[in-house]
């Protein structure tokens, strides 16, 4: 019986080692699978649908100009914030809290500017809504994170809603391409 017990122990140990080795081999596959799934989810988020068709109106040029002005003002604000952050970083005065505060300021400014747009067309309001959804998502993301998480957040969460913003850009480009050349110059 002692030989049988010894053989059982050896078999048990060998089985445990074999299982442990199998699990270690499976871990990279599971990690790779998880990463692949995350990448697929991010790509799905970034997919957009073809631009919607809207009837042309006399107010199209006005709304296109308003949206383009919004984007220019937002880009100018973004440039100012980036310059401020770069200056603070070079001076050694940039903390994670300040960086997160600047990010929140940028998101709040985008939402405020979008709310203030006086658009007259259905297509303009559609684009405004897509952009607003994106910035709302960014606001939720920033408010749900602690300071430490702000710099280490999941890439999947970062791109969440970006598909709507891309869709808004594609819709605007489509809309502009549908306008007579004189209206595009405005």
Protein backbone atom coordinates (compact mmCIF):
# COMPACT_ATOMS: atom_id res chain seq x y z
CA UNK A 1 0.00 0.00 0.00
CA UNK A 2 2.80 2.37 0.66
CA UNK A 3 3.89 1.96 -2.95
CA UNK A 4 0.34 2.70 -4.01
CA UNK A 5 0.22 5.81 -1.80
CA UNK A 6 3.59 6.94 -3.11
CA UNK A 7 2.44 6.38 -6.70
CA UNK A 8 -0.79 8.27 -5.97
CA UNK A 9 1.16 11.22 -4.54
CA UNK A 10 3.52 11.29 -7.49
CA UNK A 11 0.59 11.10 -9.88
CA UNK A 12 -1.22 13.87 -7.98
CA UNK A 13 1.87 16.11 -7.95
CA UNK A 14 2.53 15.41 -11.63
CA UNK A 15 -1.10 16.19 -12.45
CA UNK A 16 -0.98 19.44 -10.47
CA UNK A 17 2.23 20.49 -12.22
CA UNK A 18 0.74 19.59 -15.58
CA UNK A 19 -2.40 21.60 -14.85
CA UNK A 20 -0.35 24.55 -13.61
CA UNK A 21 1.74 24.45 -16.78
CA UNK A 22 -1.41 24.29 -18.91
CA UNK A 23 -2.89 27.26 -17.07
CA UNK A 24 0.26 29.29 -17.63
CA UNK A 25 0.11 28.52 -21.33
CA UNK A 26 -3.55 29.56 -21.42
CA UNK A 27 -2.95 32.92 -19.68
CA UNK A 28 -1.28 34.60 -22.65
CA UNK A 29 -4.10 33.32 -24.85
CA UNK A 30 -6.69 34.71 -22.44
CA UNK A 31 -4.86 38.03 -22.26
CA UNK A 32 -4.54 38.13 -26.02
CA UNK A 33 -8.21 37.22 -26.40
CA UNK A 34 -9.20 39.95 -23.94
CA UNK A 35 -7.04 42.47 -25.78
CA UNK A 36 -8.51 41.38 -29.12
CA UNK A 37 -12.03 41.74 -27.76
CA UNK A 38 -11.21 45.21 -26.41
CA UNK A 39 -9.75 46.22 -29.76
CA UNK A 40 -12.84 44.91 -31.55
CA UNK A 41 -15.09 46.83 -29.15
CA UNK A 42 -13.10 50.02 -29.78
CA UNK A 43 -13.35 49.54 -33.54
CA UNK A 44 -17.11 49.01 -33.25
CA UNK A 45 -17.31 52.25 -31.27
CA UNK A 46 -15.49 54.10 -34.03
CA UNK A 47 -17.66 52.76 -36.83
CA UNK A 48 -20.01 55.26 -38.31
CA UNK A 49 -23.02 55.01 -40.56
CA UNK A 50 -23.36 56.74 -43.88
CA UNK A 51 -24.34 60.41 -43.58
CA UNK A 52 -28.07 60.98 -43.36
CA UNK A 53 -29.90 62.78 -46.10
CA UNK A 54 -31.63 66.00 -45.19
CA UNK A 55 -33.50 68.40 -47.44
CA UNK A 56 -31.60 71.52 -48.48
CA UNK A 57 -32.84 74.70 -46.85
CA UNK A 58 -32.13 78.39 -47.13
CA UNK A 59 -30.54 78.24 -43.66
CA UNK A 60 -27.95 75.57 -44.50
CA UNK A 61 -25.13 78.05 -45.08
CA UNK A 62 -25.91 79.79 -41.77
CA UNK A 63 -25.80 76.57 -39.77
CA UNK A 64 -22.64 75.34 -41.49
CA UNK A 65 -20.96 78.64 -40.65
CA UNK A 66 -22.14 78.42 -37.02
CA UNK A 67 -20.81 74.86 -36.62
CA UNK A 68 -17.51 75.76 -38.28
CA UNK A 69 -17.21 78.77 -35.96
CA UNK A 70 -17.88 76.51 -32.98
CA UNK A 71 -15.10 74.17 -34.09
CA UNK A 72 -12.67 77.06 -34.58
CA UNK A 73 -13.44 78.50 -31.16
CA UNK A 74 -13.11 75.09 -29.53
CA UNK A 75 -9.80 74.47 -31.30
CA UNK A 76 -8.53 77.87 -30.19
CA UNK A 77 -9.53 77.08 -26.61
CA UNK A 78 -7.84 73.68 -26.88
CA UNK A 79 -4.65 75.34 -28.16
CA UNK A 80 -4.72 77.77 -25.22
CA UNK A 81 -5.20 74.95 -22.71
CA UNK A 82 -2.41 72.89 -24.28
CA UNK A 83 -0.07 75.88 -24.18
CA UNK A 84 -0.96 76.52 -20.55
CA UNK A 85 -0.38 72.87 -19.63
CA UNK A 86 2.94 72.82 -21.51
CA UNK A 87 4.05 76.00 -19.74
CA UNK A 88 3.10 74.59 -16.33
CA UNK A 89 4.84 71.31 -17.13
CA UNK A 90 8.05 73.08 -18.13
CA UNK A 91 7.93 75.17 -14.95
CA UNK A 92 7.34 72.04 -12.88
CA UNK A 93 3.97 73.31 -11.63
CA UNK A 94 1.73 70.74 -13.31
CA UNK A 95 0.03 68.28 -11.01
CA UNK A 96 -2.43 65.55 -11.96
CA UNK A 97 -5.21 67.54 -10.27
CA UNK A 98 -4.49 70.61 -12.41
CA UNK A 99 -4.31 68.50 -15.56
CA UNK A 100 -7.65 66.89 -14.77
CA UNK A 101 -9.12 70.33 -13.98
CA UNK A 102 -7.98 71.60 -17.41
CA UNK A 103 -9.56 68.58 -19.06
CA UNK A 104 -12.83 69.27 -17.25
CA UNK A 105 -12.63 72.94 -18.26
CA UNK A 106 -12.22 71.94 -21.88
CA UNK A 107 -15.20 69.56 -21.76
CA UNK A 108 -17.39 72.11 -19.98
CA UNK A 109 -16.46 74.77 -22.52
CA UNK A 110 -17.38 72.44 -25.38
CA UNK A 111 -20.75 71.64 -23.81
CA UNK A 112 -21.46 75.32 -23.09
CA UNK A 113 -20.51 76.37 -26.61
CA UNK A 114 -22.65 73.62 -28.12
CA UNK A 115 -25.65 74.59 -25.99
CA UNK A 116 -25.31 78.17 -27.18
CA UNK A 117 -25.42 77.35 -30.89
CA UNK A 118 -28.46 78.83 -32.56
CA UNK A 119 -29.03 76.38 -35.36
CA UNK A 120 -31.99 76.70 -37.67
CA UNK A 121 -31.94 73.41 -39.57
CA UNK A 122 -32.69 69.83 -38.69
CA UNK A 123 -29.31 68.76 -40.03
CA UNK A 124 -27.50 71.36 -37.96
CA UNK A 125 -29.28 70.23 -34.81
CA UNK A 126 -28.51 66.59 -35.69
CA UNK A 127 -24.78 67.38 -35.92
CA UNK A 128 -25.00 69.42 -32.73
CA UNK A 129 -26.63 66.45 -30.97
CA UNK A 130 -23.93 64.02 -32.10
CA UNK A 131 -21.21 66.36 -30.89
CA UNK A 132 -23.01 66.95 -27.63
CA UNK A 133 -23.28 63.20 -26.99
CA UNK A 134 -19.54 62.87 -27.42
CA UNK A 135 -18.73 65.70 -25.02
CA UNK A 136 -21.27 64.41 -22.48
CA UNK A 137 -19.55 61.04 -22.60
CA UNK A 138 -16.20 62.74 -21.97
CA UNK A 139 -17.72 64.59 -19.02
CA UNK A 140 -19.02 61.32 -17.55
CA UNK A 141 -15.64 59.70 -18.05
CA UNK A 142 -13.79 62.51 -16.29
CA UNK A 143 -16.26 62.72 -13.42
CA UNK A 144 -16.14 58.96 -12.82
CA UNK A 145 -12.38 58.86 -12.47
CA UNK A 146 -10.22 59.66 -9.51
CA UNK A 147 -7.11 61.70 -10.14
CA UNK A 148 -4.91 58.60 -10.38
CA UNK A 149 -7.25 56.97 -12.85
CA UNK A 150 -7.33 60.05 -15.06
CA UNK A 151 -3.97 59.32 -16.56
CA UNK A 152 -4.31 55.54 -16.59
CA UNK A 153 -7.86 55.09 -17.82
CA UNK A 154 -8.90 52.38 -20.18
CA UNK A 155 -8.43 53.20 -23.86
CA UNK A 156 -11.82 51.66 -24.54
CA UNK A 157 -13.47 54.21 -22.27
CA UNK A 158 -11.52 57.05 -23.87
CA UNK A 159 -12.90 56.35 -27.33
CA UNK A 160 -16.42 55.78 -26.07
CA UNK A 161 -18.63 58.24 -27.88
CA UNK A 162 -15.91 59.15 -30.34
CA UNK A 163 -17.91 57.42 -33.06
CA UNK A 164 -20.64 60.04 -32.62
CA UNK A 165 -18.12 62.84 -32.99
CA UNK A 166 -16.65 61.24 -36.10
CA UNK A 167 -20.18 60.77 -37.43
CA UNK A 168 -20.86 64.47 -36.81
CA UNK A 169 -17.71 65.41 -38.73
CA UNK A 170 -18.63 63.15 -41.63
CA UNK A 171 -22.16 64.55 -41.67
CA UNK A 172 -20.82 68.11 -41.71
CA UNK A 173 -18.41 67.31 -44.55
CA UNK A 174 -21.22 65.66 -46.50
CA UNK A 175 -23.47 68.64 -45.88
CA UNK A 176 -20.79 71.09 -46.98
CA UNK A 177 -20.16 69.08 -50.14
CA UNK A 178 -23.85 69.36 -51.00
CA UNK A 179 -23.78 73.16 -50.90
CA UNK A 180 -23.14 75.43 -53.85
CA UNK A 181 -19.55 76.65 -53.88
CA UNK A 182 -20.56 80.16 -52.76
CA UNK A 183 -22.19 78.76 -49.61
CA UNK A 184 -19.11 76.65 -48.79
CA UNK A 185 -16.90 79.73 -48.74
CA UNK A 186 -18.96 81.34 -45.94
